[in-house]
Amino acid sequence: MVRLRLRDNESVQEAVRRFRKLVEHTGVKKEMRRREYFEKPSEQKRRERRRAQRRARINNDLAKKS
């Protein structure tokens, strides 16, 4: 849960900007997007596996360049 306390003499725009940064930093926005639609467990595993393969490929390419 994100809590934001208004500071003395803080404008609404500044408070909204701080709130957005807080939400972004805590991962609430990412979590909301992920839960927006139901994803079958098999699709979730496939997505995770592809992400791991992509990450391994990038790390492998970086290791070769060094």
Protein backbone atom coordinates (compact mmCIF):
# COMPACT_ATOMS: atom_id res chain seq x y z
CA MET A 1 0.00 0.00 0.00
CA VAL A 2 1.30 3.44 -0.92
CA ARG A 3 0.94 6.33 1.50
CA LEU A 4 1.71 9.92 0.71
CA ARG A 5 1.77 12.66 3.31
CA LEU A 6 1.44 16.18 2.01
CA ARG A 7 4.27 18.50 2.94
CA ASP A 8 3.80 22.05 4.14
CA ASN A 9 3.21 24.45 1.23
CA GLU A 10 3.28 21.62 -1.32
CA SER A 11 1.27 22.18 -4.47
CA VAL A 12 -1.11 19.56 -5.83
CA GLN A 13 1.06 19.06 -8.92
CA GLU A 14 4.13 18.28 -6.80
CA ALA A 15 2.14 15.85 -4.65
CA VAL A 16 0.78 14.07 -7.73
CA ARG A 17 4.29 13.83 -9.19
CA ARG A 18 5.60 12.34 -5.94
CA PHE A 19 2.66 9.92 -5.83
CA ARG A 20 3.33 8.72 -9.37
CA LYS A 21 7.00 8.13 -8.59
CA LEU A 22 6.06 6.24 -5.42
CA VAL A 23 3.60 4.02 -7.29
CA GLU A 24 6.15 3.36 -10.04
CA HIS A 25 8.87 2.55 -7.53
CA THR A 26 6.77 0.12 -5.48
CA GLY A 27 5.66 -1.79 -8.59
CA VAL A 28 1.93 -1.24 -8.08
CA LYS A 29 1.44 -0.13 -11.67
CA LYS A 30 3.27 -3.15 -13.07
CA GLU A 31 1.23 -5.48 -10.85
CA MET A 32 -2.03 -3.89 -11.99
CA ARG A 33 -1.12 -4.38 -15.65
CA ARG A 34 -0.14 -7.98 -14.98
CA ARG A 35 -3.46 -8.73 -13.27
CA GLU A 36 -5.57 -6.85 -15.81
CA TYR A 37 -6.32 -10.09 -17.68
CA PHE A 38 -6.31 -13.68 -16.50
CA GLU A 39 -3.26 -15.58 -17.67
CA LYS A 40 -3.27 -19.35 -17.66
CA PRO A 41 -0.48 -20.94 -15.62
CA SER A 42 0.94 -22.58 -18.74
CA GLU A 43 1.11 -19.21 -20.50
CA GLN A 44 2.76 -17.70 -17.45
CA LYS A 45 5.41 -20.44 -17.40
CA ARG A 46 6.01 -20.01 -21.12
CA ARG A 47 6.46 -16.25 -20.71
CA GLU A 48 8.88 -16.76 -17.82
CA ARG A 49 10.84 -19.37 -19.79
CA ARG A 50 11.14 -17.07 -22.81
CA ARG A 51 12.25 -14.22 -20.57
CA ALA A 52 14.93 -16.44 -19.00
CA GLN A 53 16.14 -17.55 -22.44
CA ARG A 54 16.35 -13.94 -23.62
CA ARG A 55 18.23 -12.96 -20.48
CA ALA A 56 20.66 -15.90 -20.91
CA ARG A 57 21.25 -15.00 -24.56
CA ILE A 58 22.04 -11.39 -23.66
CA ASN A 59 24.38 -12.45 -20.84
CA ASN A 60 26.07 -14.94 -23.16
CA ASP A 61 26.60 -12.26 -25.81
CA LEU A 62 28.06 -9.89 -23.23
CA ALA A 63 30.42 -12.58 -21.97
CA LYS A 64 31.70 -13.23 -25.49
CA LYS A 65 32.43 -9.54 -26.05
CA SER A 66 34.56 -9.27 -22.90
